Amino acid sequence: MVVTLGGDGSLLVTGAGERHVPALEVDVVDTTGCGDAYCAGFVTALLRHRDLPEAARWGTAAAATVARGLGSDAGPADLDAVLGLLRRAPD
Protein backbone atom coordinates (compact mmCIF):
# COMPACT_ATOMS: atom_id res chain seq x y z
CA MET A 1 0.00 0.00 0.00
CA VAL A 2 1.16 3.52 -0.63
CA VAL A 3 -0.24 6.64 1.02
CA THR A 4 0.66 10.13 -0.15
CA LEU A 5 1.36 12.63 2.61
CA GLY A 6 1.54 15.89 0.67
CA GLY A 7 4.61 17.89 1.60
CA ASP A 8 5.71 15.09 3.92
CA GLY A 9 6.21 12.64 1.05
CA SER A 10 4.61 9.22 1.06
CA LEU A 11 4.47 6.04 3.08
CA LEU A 12 5.07 2.67 1.43
CA VAL A 13 3.77 -0.32 3.39
CA THR A 14 4.60 -3.88 2.31
CA GLY A 15 4.79 -7.27 3.99
CA ALA A 16 8.41 -6.40 4.81
CA GLY A 17 7.46 -3.26 6.74
CA GLU A 18 7.03 0.47 6.29
CA ARG A 19 9.21 2.95 4.45
CA HIS A 20 8.85 6.72 4.42
CA VAL A 21 9.76 8.37 1.11
CA PRO A 22 10.37 12.08 1.67
CA ALA A 23 8.98 14.73 -0.65
CA LEU A 24 11.41 16.49 -2.96
CA GLU A 25 12.14 20.09 -2.11
CA VAL A 26 10.72 22.28 -4.87
CA ASP A 27 9.17 25.72 -5.06
CA VAL A 28 5.49 24.82 -4.95
CA VAL A 29 3.17 26.82 -7.22
CA ASP A 30 0.05 24.63 -7.33
CA THR A 31 -0.62 21.13 -6.00
CA THR A 32 -3.64 20.43 -8.21
CA GLY A 33 -3.17 16.99 -9.73
CA CYS A 34 -0.17 15.99 -7.62
CA GLY A 35 -1.87 12.84 -6.33
CA ASP A 36 -2.73 11.76 -9.86
CA ALA A 37 0.83 12.52 -10.98
CA TYR A 38 2.19 10.47 -8.08
CA CYS A 39 0.09 7.49 -9.14
CA ALA A 40 1.19 7.88 -12.77
CA GLY A 41 4.86 7.96 -11.78
CA PHE A 42 4.44 4.99 -9.45
CA VAL A 43 2.67 2.85 -12.05
CA THR A 44 5.12 3.87 -14.80
CA ALA A 45 8.01 2.68 -12.64
CA LEU A 46 6.30 -0.64 -11.95
CA LEU A 47 5.64 -1.14 -15.67
CA ARG A 48 9.37 -0.60 -16.21
CA HIS A 49 10.15 -3.32 -13.63
CA ARG A 50 11.41 -1.02 -10.87
CA ASP A 51 11.01 -2.16 -7.26
CA LEU A 52 8.42 -0.62 -4.93
CA PRO A 53 10.73 1.88 -3.19
CA GLU A 54 11.98 3.13 -6.56
CA ALA A 55 8.39 3.35 -7.82
CA ALA A 56 7.56 5.52 -4.81
CA ARG A 57 10.49 7.82 -5.69
CA TRP A 58 9.26 8.08 -9.28
CA GLY A 59 5.81 8.97 -7.96
CA THR A 60 7.29 11.58 -5.67
CA ALA A 61 9.24 13.13 -8.53
CA ALA A 62 6.19 13.17 -10.80
CA ALA A 63 4.15 14.94 -8.11
CA ALA A 64 6.95 17.44 -7.49
CA THR A 65 7.18 18.17 -11.21
CA VAL A 66 3.47 19.04 -11.30
CA ALA A 67 3.68 21.11 -8.10
CA ARG A 68 6.36 23.35 -9.63
CA GLY A 69 4.00 24.53 -12.38
CA LEU A 70 0.38 25.51 -12.45
CA GLY A 71 -0.78 22.13 -11.21
CA SER A 72 -2.26 19.76 -13.72
CA ASP A 73 -3.24 22.68 -15.99
CA ALA A 74 0.42 23.26 -16.83
CA GLY A 75 0.39 20.17 -19.01
CA PRO A 76 1.83 16.73 -18.47
CA ALA A 77 5.48 16.31 -17.62
CA ASP A 78 7.38 13.76 -19.61
CA LEU A 79 9.38 10.93 -18.11
CA ASP A 80 12.70 12.63 -18.82
CA ALA A 81 11.65 15.68 -16.78
CA VAL A 82 10.57 13.48 -13.87
CA LEU A 83 13.76 11.41 -13.88
CA GLY A 84 15.86 14.56 -14.27
CA LEU A 85 14.36 15.91 -11.08
CA LEU A 86 15.23 12.67 -9.31
CA ARG A 87 18.83 12.78 -10.53
CA ARG A 88 19.23 16.25 -9.01
CA ALA A 89 17.61 15.28 -5.68
CA PRO A 90 19.72 14.21 -2.71
CA ASP A 91 19.30 10.56 -1.69
PDB file of N, CA and C in Angstrom:
ATOM      1  N   MET A   1       0.849  -1.149   0.000  1.00  0.00           N
ATOM      2  CA  MET A   1       0.000   0.000   0.000  1.00  0.00           C
ATOM      3  C   MET A   1       0.904   1.223   0.000  1.00  0.00           C
ATOM      4  N   VAL A   2       0.426   2.256  -0.665  1.00  0.00           N
ATOM      5  CA  VAL A   2       1.155   3.516  -0.634  1.00  0.00           C
ATOM      6  C   VAL A   2       0.160   4.626  -0.286  1.00  0.00           C
ATOM      7  N   VAL A   3       0.590   5.510   0.589  1.00  0.00           N
ATOM      8  CA  VAL A   3      -0.238   6.637   1.016  1.00  0.00           C
ATOM      9  C   VAL A   3       0.555   7.911   0.780  1.00  0.00           C
ATOM     10  N   THR A   4      -0.024   8.857   0.045  1.00  0.00           N
ATOM     11  CA  THR A   4       0.655  10.133  -0.145  1.00  0.00           C
ATOM     12  C   THR A   4       0.403  11.020   1.061  1.00  0.00           C
ATOM     13  N   LEU A   5       1.406  11.794   1.411  1.00  0.00           N
ATOM     14  CA  LEU A   5       1.360  12.631   2.607  1.00  0.00           C
ATOM     15  C   LEU A   5       1.617  14.099   2.290  1.00  0.00           C
ATOM     16  N   GLY A   6       1.326  14.497   1.067  1.00  0.00           N
ATOM     17  CA  GLY A   6       1.538  15.890   0.675  1.00  0.00           C
ATOM     18  C   GLY A   6       2.999  16.279   0.794  1.00  0.00           C
ATOM     19  N   GLY A   7       3.258  17.383   1.437  1.00  0.00           N
ATOM     20  CA  GLY A   7       4.613  17.891   1.601  1.00  0.00           C
ATOM     21  C   GLY A   7       5.508  17.012   2.444  1.00  0.00           C
ATOM     22  N   ASP A   8       4.917  16.020   3.112  1.00  0.00           N
ATOM     23  CA  ASP A   8       5.709  15.094   3.924  1.00  0.00           C
ATOM     24  C   ASP A   8       6.123  13.849   3.151  1.00  0.00           C
ATOM     25  N   GLY A   9       5.782  13.782   1.857  1.00  0.00           N
ATOM     26  CA  GLY A   9       6.205  12.644   1.045  1.00  0.00           C
ATOM     27  C   GLY A   9       5.136  11.572   0.940  1.00  0.00           C
ATOM     28  N   SER A  10       5.557  10.333   1.122  1.00  0.00           N
ATOM     29  CA  SER A  10       4.611   9.215   1.057  1.00  0.00           C
ATOM     30  C   SER A  10       5.089   8.100   1.973  1.00  0.00           C
ATOM     31  N   LEU A  11       4.183   7.179   2.230  1.00  0.00           N
ATOM     32  CA  LEU A  11       4.471   6.036   3.080  1.00  0.00           C
ATOM     33  C   LEU A  11       4.181   4.782   2.275  1.00  0.00           C
ATOM     34  N   LEU A  12       5.186   3.939   2.143  1.00  0.00           N
ATOM     35  CA  LEU A  12       5.069   2.671   1.431  1.00  0.00           C
ATOM     36  C   LEU A  12       4.998   1.572   2.480  1.00  0.00           C
ATOM     37  N   VAL A  13       3.950   0.756   2.425  1.00  0.00           N
ATOM     38  CA  VAL A  13       3.774  -0.323   3.388  1.00  0.00           C
ATOM     39  C   VAL A  13       3.683  -1.640   2.628  1.00  0.00           C
ATOM     40  N   THR A  14       4.587  -2.556   2.939  1.00  0.00           N
ATOM     41  CA  THR A  14       4.604  -3.881   2.313  1.00  0.00           C
ATOM     42  C   THR A  14       4.650  -4.936   3.420  1.00  0.00           C
ATOM     43  N   GLY A  15       4.660  -6.192   3.017  1.00  0.00           N
ATOM     44  CA  GLY A  15       4.795  -7.270   3.991  1.00  0.00           C
ATOM     45  C   GLY A  15       6.107  -7.199   4.749  1.00  0.00           C
ATOM     46  N   ALA A  16       7.101  -6.539   4.173  1.00  0.00           N
ATOM     47  CA  ALA A  16       8.415  -6.401   4.805  1.00  0.00           C
ATOM     48  C   ALA A  16       8.479  -5.241   5.795  1.00  0.00           C
ATOM     49  N   GLY A  17       7.459  -4.385   5.815  1.00  0.00           N
ATOM     50  CA  GLY A  17       7.461  -3.264   6.739  1.00  0.00           C
ATOM     51  C   GLY A  17       7.071  -1.960   6.077  1.00  0.00           C
ATOM     52  N   GLU A  18       7.381  -0.868   6.761  1.00  0.00           N
ATOM     53  CA  GLU A  18       7.033   0.470   6.290  1.00  0.00           C
ATOM     54  C   GLU A  18       8.288   1.214   5.870  1.00  0.00           C
ATOM     55  N   ARG A  19       8.101   2.099   4.883  1.00  0.00           N
ATOM     56  CA  ARG A  19       9.206   2.951   4.449  1.00  0.00           C
ATOM     57  C   ARG A  19       8.654   4.328   4.106  1.00  0.00           C
ATOM     58  N   HIS A  20       9.226   5.341   4.724  1.00  0.00           N
ATOM     59  CA  HIS A  20       8.853   6.719   4.422  1.00  0.00           C
ATOM     60  C   HIS A  20       9.707   7.200   3.257  1.00  0.00           C
ATOM     61  N   VAL A  21       9.059   7.785   2.257  1.00  0.00           N
ATOM     62  CA  VAL A  21       9.761   8.369   1.114  1.00  0.00           C
ATOM     63  C   VAL A  21       9.528   9.874   1.203  1.00  0.00           C
ATOM     64  N   PRO A  22      10.565  10.644   1.490  1.00  0.00           N
ATOM     65  CA  PRO A  22      10.366  12.084   1.672  1.00  0.00           C
ATOM     66  C   PRO A  22      10.001  12.785   0.369  1.00  0.00           C
ATOM     67  N   ALA A  23       9.296  13.889   0.509  1.00  0.00           N
ATOM     68  CA  ALA A  23       8.976  14.731  -0.649  1.00  0.00           C
ATOM     69  C   ALA A  23      10.259  15.389  -1.144  1.00  0.00           C
ATOM     70  N   LEU A  24      10.284  15.736  -2.410  1.00  0.00           N
ATOM     71  CA  LEU A  24      11.405  16.486  -2.956  1.00  0.00           C
ATOM     72  C   LEU A  24      11.187  17.968  -2.672  1.00  0.00           C
ATOM     73  N   GLU A  25      12.240  18.663  -2.384  1.00  0.00           N
ATOM     74  CA  GLU A  25      12.136  20.094  -2.112  1.00  0.00           C
ATOM     75  C   GLU A  25      12.060  20.857  -3.427  1.00  0.00           C
ATOM     76  N   VAL A  26      10.926  21.459  -3.677  1.00  0.00           N
ATOM     77  CA  VAL A  26      10.718  22.282  -4.867  1.00  0.00           C
ATOM     78  C   VAL A  26       9.938  23.522  -4.456  1.00  0.00           C
ATOM     79  N   ASP A  27      10.001  24.544  -5.273  1.00  0.00           N
ATOM     80  CA  ASP A  27       9.171  25.723  -5.059  1.00  0.00           C
ATOM     81  C   ASP A  27       7.772  25.387  -5.553  1.00  0.00           C
ATOM     82  N   VAL A  28       6.847  25.250  -4.621  1.00  0.00           N
ATOM     83  CA  VAL A  28       5.487  24.825  -4.951  1.00  0.00           C
ATOM     84  C   VAL A  28       4.672  26.004  -5.463  1.00  0.00           C
ATOM     85  N   VAL A  29       4.048  25.813  -6.629  1.00  0.00           N
ATOM     86  CA  VAL A  29       3.171  26.816  -7.217  1.00  0.00           C
ATOM     87  C   VAL A  29       1.717  26.387  -7.062  1.00  0.00           C
ATOM     88  N   ASP A  30       1.424  25.125  -7.373  1.00  0.00           N
ATOM     89  CA  ASP A  30       0.049  24.625  -7.329  1.00  0.00           C
ATOM     90  C   ASP A  30       0.101  23.113  -7.179  1.00  0.00           C
ATOM     91  N   THR A  31      -0.647  22.568  -6.240  1.00  0.00           N
ATOM     92  CA  THR A  31      -0.622  21.127  -5.999  1.00  0.00           C
ATOM     93  C   THR A  31      -1.763  20.380  -6.684  1.00  0.00           C
ATOM     94  N   THR A  32      -2.546  21.083  -7.496  1.00  0.00           N
ATOM     95  CA  THR A  32      -3.643  20.430  -8.205  1.00  0.00           C
ATOM     96  C   THR A  32      -3.090  19.323  -9.091  1.00  0.00           C
ATOM     97  N   GLY A  33      -3.574  18.114  -8.905  1.00  0.00           N
ATOM     98  CA  GLY A  33      -3.174  16.989  -9.730  1.00  0.00           C
ATOM     99  C   GLY A  33      -1.943  16.251  -9.239  1.00  0.00           C
ATOM    100  N   CYS A  34      -1.382  16.657  -8.114  1.00  0.00           N
ATOM    101  CA  CYS A  34      -0.166  15.990  -7.624  1.00  0.00           C
ATOM    102  C   CYS A  34      -0.411  14.525  -7.259  1.00  0.00           C
ATOM    103  N   GLY A  35      -1.555  14.233  -6.676  1.00  0.00           N
ATOM    104  CA  GLY A  35      -1.866  12.837  -6.334  1.00  0.00           C
ATOM    105  C   GLY A  35      -1.975  11.966  -7.577  1.00  0.00           C
ATOM    106  N   ASP A  36      -2.626  12.494  -8.602  1.00  0.00           N
ATOM    107  CA  ASP A  36      -2.727  11.756  -9.864  1.00  0.00           C
ATOM    108  C   ASP A  36      -1.346  11.568 -10.486  1.00  0.00           C
ATOM    109  N   ALA A  37      -0.517  12.609 -10.422  1.00  0.00           N
ATOM    110  CA  ALA A  37       0.827  12.519 -10.977  1.00  0.00           C
ATOM    111  C   ALA A  37       1.654  11.485 -10.209  1.00  0.00           C
ATOM    112  N   TYR A  38       1.490  11.468  -8.889  1.00  0.00           N
ATOM    113  CA  TYR A  38       2.195  10.471  -8.079  1.00  0.00           C
ATOM    114  C   TYR A  38       1.833   9.070  -8.556  1.00  0.00           C
ATOM    115  N   CYS A  39       0.541   8.813  -8.701  1.00  0.00           N
ATOM    116  CA  CYS A  39       0.092   7.487  -9.144  1.00  0.00           C
ATOM    117  C   CYS A  39       0.645   7.144 -10.518  1.00  0.00           C
ATOM    118  N   ALA A  40       0.665   8.115 -11.418  1.00  0.00           N
ATOM    119  CA  ALA A  40       1.187   7.883 -12.765  1.00  0.00           C
ATOM    120  C   ALA A  40       2.676   7.532 -12.715  1.00  0.00           C
ATOM    121  N   GLY A  41       3.436   8.256 -11.910  1.00  0.00           N
ATOM    122  CA  GLY A  41       4.859   7.960 -11.782  1.00  0.00           C
ATOM    123  C   GLY A  41       5.096   6.600 -11.157  1.00  0.00           C
ATOM    124  N   PHE A  42       4.318   6.275 -10.149  1.00  0.00           N
ATOM    125  CA  PHE A  42       4.438   4.988  -9.451  1.00  0.00           C
ATOM    126  C   PHE A  42       4.156   3.829 -10.412  1.00  0.00           C
ATOM    127  N   VAL A  43       3.050   3.919 -11.124  1.00  0.00           N
ATOM    128  CA  VAL A  43       2.674   2.852 -12.054  1.00  0.00           C
ATOM    129  C   VAL A  43       3.675   2.755 -13.208  1.00  0.00           C
ATOM    130  N   THR A  44       4.135   3.886 -13.718  1.00  0.00           N
ATOM    131  CA  THR A  44       5.119   3.870 -14.797  1.00  0.00           C
ATOM    132  C   THR A  44       6.384   3.126 -14.359  1.00  0.00           C
ATOM    133  N   ALA A  45       6.829   3.378 -13.145  1.00  0.00           N
ATOM    134  CA  ALA A  45       8.014   2.680 -12.636  1.00  0.00           C
ATOM    135  C   ALA A  45       7.765   1.173 -12.537  1.00  0.00           C
ATOM    136  N   LEU A  46       6.603   0.791 -12.047  1.00  0.00           N
ATOM    137  CA  LEU A  46       6.296  -0.641 -11.951  1.00  0.00           C
ATOM    138  C   LEU A  46       6.259  -1.294 -13.326  1.00  0.00           C
ATOM    139  N   LEU A  47       5.694  -0.597 -14.307  1.00  0.00           N
ATOM    140  CA  LEU A  47       5.640  -1.136 -15.669  1.00  0.00           C
ATOM    141  C   LEU A  47       7.035  -1.276 -16.281  1.00  0.00           C
ATOM    142  N   ARG A  48       7.985  -0.525 -15.736  1.00  0.00           N
ATOM    143  CA  ARG A  48       9.371  -0.604 -16.207  1.00  0.00           C
ATOM    144  C   ARG A  48      10.210  -1.480 -15.275  1.00  0.00           C
ATOM    145  N   HIS A  49       9.529  -2.293 -14.484  1.00  0.00           N
ATOM    146  CA  HIS A  49      10.147  -3.322 -13.630  1.00  0.00           C
ATOM    147  C   HIS A  49      11.038  -2.753 -12.530  1.00  0.00           C
ATOM    148  N   ARG A  50      10.696  -1.579 -12.019  1.00  0.00           N
ATOM    149  CA  ARG A  50      11.407  -1.023 -10.866  1.00  0.00           C
ATOM    150  C   ARG A  50      10.793  -1.614  -9.596  1.00  0.00           C
ATOM    151  N   ASP A  51      11.555  -1.641  -8.515  1.00  0.00           N
ATOM    152  CA  ASP A  51      11.010  -2.158  -7.263  1.00  0.00           C
ATOM    153  C   ASP A  51      10.095  -1.113  -6.613  1.00  0.00           C
ATOM    154  N   LEU A  52       9.408  -1.513  -5.561  1.00  0.00           N
ATOM    155  CA  LEU A  52       8.423  -0.621  -4.935  1.00  0.00           C
ATOM    156  C   LEU A  52       9.031   0.667  -4.371  1.00  0.00           C
ATOM    157  N   PRO A  53      10.160   0.614  -3.665  1.00  0.00           N
ATOM    158  CA  PRO A  53      10.735   1.881  -3.187  1.00  0.00           C
ATOM    159  C   PRO A  53      11.101   2.830  -4.333  1.00  0.00           C
ATOM    160  N   GLU A  54      11.639   2.287  -5.414  1.00  0.00           N
ATOM    161  CA  GLU A  54      11.981   3.129  -6.559  1.00  0.00           C
ATOM    162  C   GLU A  54      10.713   3.684  -7.208  1.00  0.00           C
ATOM    163  N   ALA A  55       9.668   2.880  -7.266  1.00  0.00           N
ATOM    164  CA  ALA A  55       8.393   3.347  -7.819  1.00  0.00           C
ATOM    165  C   ALA A  55       7.848   4.510  -6.985  1.00  0.00           C
ATOM    166  N   ALA A  56       8.004   4.420  -5.677  1.00  0.00           N
ATOM    167  CA  ALA A  56       7.560   5.520  -4.809  1.00  0.00           C
ATOM    168  C   ALA A  56       8.376   6.783  -5.082  1.00  0.00           C
ATOM    169  N   ARG A  57       9.658   6.642  -5.352  1.00  0.00           N
ATOM    170  CA  ARG A  57      10.492   7.815  -5.686  1.00  0.00           C
ATOM    171  C   ARG A  57      10.069   8.414  -7.019  1.00  0.00           C
ATOM    172  N   TRP A  58       9.742   7.571  -7.999  1.00  0.00           N
ATOM    173  CA  TRP A  58       9.261   8.083  -9.283  1.00  0.00           C
ATOM    174  C   TRP A  58       7.947   8.830  -9.073  1.00  0.00           C
ATOM    175  N   GLY A  59       7.073   8.288  -8.247  1.00  0.00           N
ATOM    176  CA  GLY A  59       5.805   8.967  -7.959  1.00  0.00           C
ATOM    177  C   GLY A  59       6.031  10.305  -7.294  1.00  0.00           C
ATOM    178  N   THR A  60       6.952  10.330  -6.351  1.00  0.00           N
ATOM    179  CA  THR A  60       7.288  11.575  -5.665  1.00  0.00           C
ATOM    180  C   THR A  60       7.811  12.613  -6.642  1.00  0.00           C
ATOM    181  N   ALA A  61       8.671  12.195  -7.544  1.00  0.00           N
ATOM    182  CA  ALA A  61       9.239  13.127  -8.528  1.00  0.00           C
ATOM    183  C   ALA A  61       8.177  13.627  -9.501  1.00  0.00           C
ATOM    184  N   ALA A  62       7.264  12.750  -9.901  1.00  0.00           N
ATOM    185  CA  ALA A  62       6.186  13.172 -10.802  1.00  0.00           C
ATOM    186  C   ALA A  62       5.301  14.211 -10.115  1.00  0.00           C
ATOM    187  N   ALA A  63       4.970  13.978  -8.862  1.00  0.00           N
ATOM    188  CA  ALA A  63       4.151  14.944  -8.114  1.00  0.00           C
ATOM    189  C   ALA A  63       4.889  16.271  -7.953  1.00  0.00           C
ATOM    190  N   ALA A  64       6.169  16.219  -7.660  1.00  0.00           N
ATOM    191  CA  ALA A  64       6.954  17.444  -7.491  1.00  0.00           C
ATOM    192  C   ALA A  64       7.033  18.219  -8.798  1.00  0.00           C
ATOM    193  N   THR A  65       7.118  17.512  -9.907  1.00  0.00           N
ATOM    194  CA  THR A  65       7.175  18.168 -11.209  1.00  0.00           C
ATOM    195  C   THR A  65       5.890  18.949 -11.465  1.00  0.00           C
ATOM    196  N   VAL A  66       4.759  18.361 -11.128  1.00  0.00           N
ATOM    197  CA  VAL A  66       3.470  19.036 -11.300  1.00  0.00           C
ATOM    198  C   VAL A  66       3.357  20.225 -10.348  1.00  0.00           C
ATOM    199  N   ALA A  67       3.809  20.045  -9.105  1.00  0.00           N
ATOM    200  CA  ALA A  67       3.683  21.110  -8.096  1.00  0.00           C
ATOM    201  C   ALA A  67       4.477  22.358  -8.465  1.00  0.00           C
ATOM    202  N   ARG A  68       5.530  22.204  -9.252  1.00  0.00           N
ATOM    203  CA  ARG A  68       6.361  23.352  -9.627  1.00  0.00           C
ATOM    204  C   ARG A  68       5.695  24.251 -10.658  1.00  0.00           C
ATOM    205  N   GLY A  69       4.693  23.742 -11.364  1.00  0.00           N
ATOM    206  CA  GLY A  69       3.999  24.530 -12.380  1.00  0.00           C
ATOM    207  C   GLY A  69       2.623  24.916 -11.892  1.00  0.00           C
ATOM    208  N   LEU A  70       1.744  25.150 -12.814  1.00  0.00           N
ATOM    209  CA  LEU A  70       0.381  25.513 -12.449  1.00  0.00           C
ATOM    210  C   LEU A  70      -0.470  24.254 -12.317  1.00  0.00           C
ATOM    211  N   GLY A  71      -0.043  23.365 -11.448  1.00  0.00           N
ATOM    212  CA  GLY A  71      -0.776  22.133 -11.211  1.00  0.00           C
ATOM    213  C   GLY A  71      -0.945  21.332 -12.486  1.00  0.00           C
ATOM    214  N   SER A  72      -2.025  20.608 -12.552  1.00  0.00           N
ATOM    215  CA  SER A  72      -2.258  19.755 -13.715  1.00  0.00           C
ATOM    216  C   SER A  72      -2.590  20.564 -14.959  1.00  0.00           C
ATOM    217  N   ASP A  73      -2.943  21.842 -14.823  1.00  0.00           N
ATOM    218  CA  ASP A  73      -3.238  22.678 -15.987  1.00  0.00           C
ATOM    219  C   ASP A  73      -1.983  23.085 -16.756  1.00  0.00           C
ATOM    220  N   ALA A  74      -0.821  22.885 -16.160  1.00  0.00           N
ATOM    221  CA  ALA A  74       0.424  23.256 -16.827  1.00  0.00           C
ATOM    222  C   ALA A  74       0.800  22.275 -17.930  1.00  0.00           C
ATOM    223  N   GLY A  75       0.091  21.181 -18.001  1.00  0.00           N
ATOM    224  CA  GLY A  75       0.389  20.166 -19.013  1.00  0.00           C
ATOM    225  C   GLY A  75       1.192  19.038 -18.408  1.00  0.00           C
ATOM    226  N   PRO A  76       1.138  17.892 -19.031  1.00  0.00           N
ATOM    227  CA  PRO A  76       1.835  16.730 -18.466  1.00  0.00           C
ATOM    228  C   PRO A  76       3.347  16.863 -18.579  1.00  0.00           C
ATOM    229  N   ALA A  77       4.016  16.374 -17.580  1.00  0.00           N
ATOM    230  CA  ALA A  77       5.479  16.308 -17.615  1.00  0.00           C
ATOM    231  C   ALA A  77       5.858  14.998 -18.302  1.00  0.00           C
ATOM    232  N   ASP A  78       6.956  15.015 -19.000  1.00  0.00           N
ATOM    233  CA  ASP A  78       7.382  13.764 -19.615  1.00  0.00           C
ATOM    234  C   ASP A  78       8.315  13.023 -18.663  1.00  0.00           C
ATOM    235  N   LEU A  79       8.573  11.778 -18.983  1.00  0.00           N
ATOM    236  CA  LEU A  79       9.384  10.927 -18.114  1.00  0.00           C
ATOM    237  C   LEU A  79      10.788  11.491 -17.915  1.00  0.00           C
ATOM    238  N   ASP A  80      11.364  12.064 -18.951  1.00  0.00           N
ATOM    239  CA  ASP A  80      12.703  12.635 -18.819  1.00  0.00           C
ATOM    240  C   ASP A  80      12.746  13.755 -17.788  1.00  0.00           C
ATOM    241  N   ALA A  81      11.706  14.593 -17.756  1.00  0.00           N
ATOM    242  CA  ALA A  81      11.649  15.683 -16.776  1.00  0.00           C
ATOM    243  C   ALA A  81      11.548  15.131 -15.362  1.00  0.00           C
ATOM    244  N   VAL A  82      10.739  14.096 -15.192  1.00  0.00           N
ATOM    245  CA  VAL A  82      10.566  13.479 -13.870  1.00  0.00           C
ATOM    246  C   VAL A  82      11.879  12.850 -13.405  1.00  0.00           C
ATOM    247  N   LEU A  83      12.512  12.063 -14.261  1.00  0.00           N
ATOM    248  CA  LEU A  83      13.756  11.405 -13.882  1.00  0.00           C
ATOM    249  C   LEU A  83      14.887  12.408 -13.699  1.00  0.00           C
ATOM    250  N   GLY A  84      14.867  13.507 -14.448  1.00  0.00           N
ATOM    251  CA  GLY A  84      15.857  14.556 -14.267  1.00  0.00           C
ATOM    252  C   GLY A  84      15.761  15.179 -12.896  1.00  0.00           C
ATOM    253  N   LEU A  85      14.563  15.373 -12.420  1.00  0.00           N
ATOM    254  CA  LEU A  85      14.361  15.914 -11.076  1.00  0.00           C
ATOM    255  C   LEU A  85      14.892  14.943 -10.039  1.00  0.00           C
ATOM    256  N   LEU A  86      14.704  13.673 -10.236  1.00  0.00           N
ATOM    257  CA  LEU A  86      15.231  12.670  -9.306  1.00  0.00           C
ATOM    258  C   LEU A  86      16.751  12.655  -9.298  1.00  0.00           C
ATOM    259  N   ARG A  87      17.354  12.800 -10.463  1.00  0.00           N
ATOM    260  CA  ARG A  87      18.828  12.784 -10.532  1.00  0.00           C
ATOM    261  C   ARG A  87      19.430  13.961  -9.766  1.00  0.00           C
ATOM    262  N   ARG A  88      18.717  15.067  -9.705  1.00  0.00           N
ATOM    263  CA  ARG A  88      19.232  16.251  -9.007  1.00  0.00           C
ATOM    264  C   ARG A  88      18.912  16.230  -7.520  1.00  0.00           C
ATOM    265  N   ALA A  89      18.036  15.319  -7.087  1.00  0.00           N
ATOM    266  CA  ALA A  89      17.608  15.275  -5.683  1.00  0.00           C
ATOM    267  C   ALA A  89      18.626  14.522  -4.835  1.00  0.00           C
ATOM    268  N   PRO A  90      18.835  14.970  -3.599  1.00  0.00           N
ATOM    269  CA  PRO A  90      19.720  14.212  -2.710  1.00  0.00           C
ATOM    270  C   PRO A  90      19.056  12.894  -2.337  1.00  0.00           C
ATOM    271  N   ASP A  91      19.843  11.871  -2.097  1.00  0.00           N
ATOM    272  CA  ASP A  91      19.299  10.562  -1.687  1.00  0.00           C
ATOM    273  C   ASP A  91      18.902  10.546  -0.243  1.00  0.00           C
TER     274      ASP A  91
END
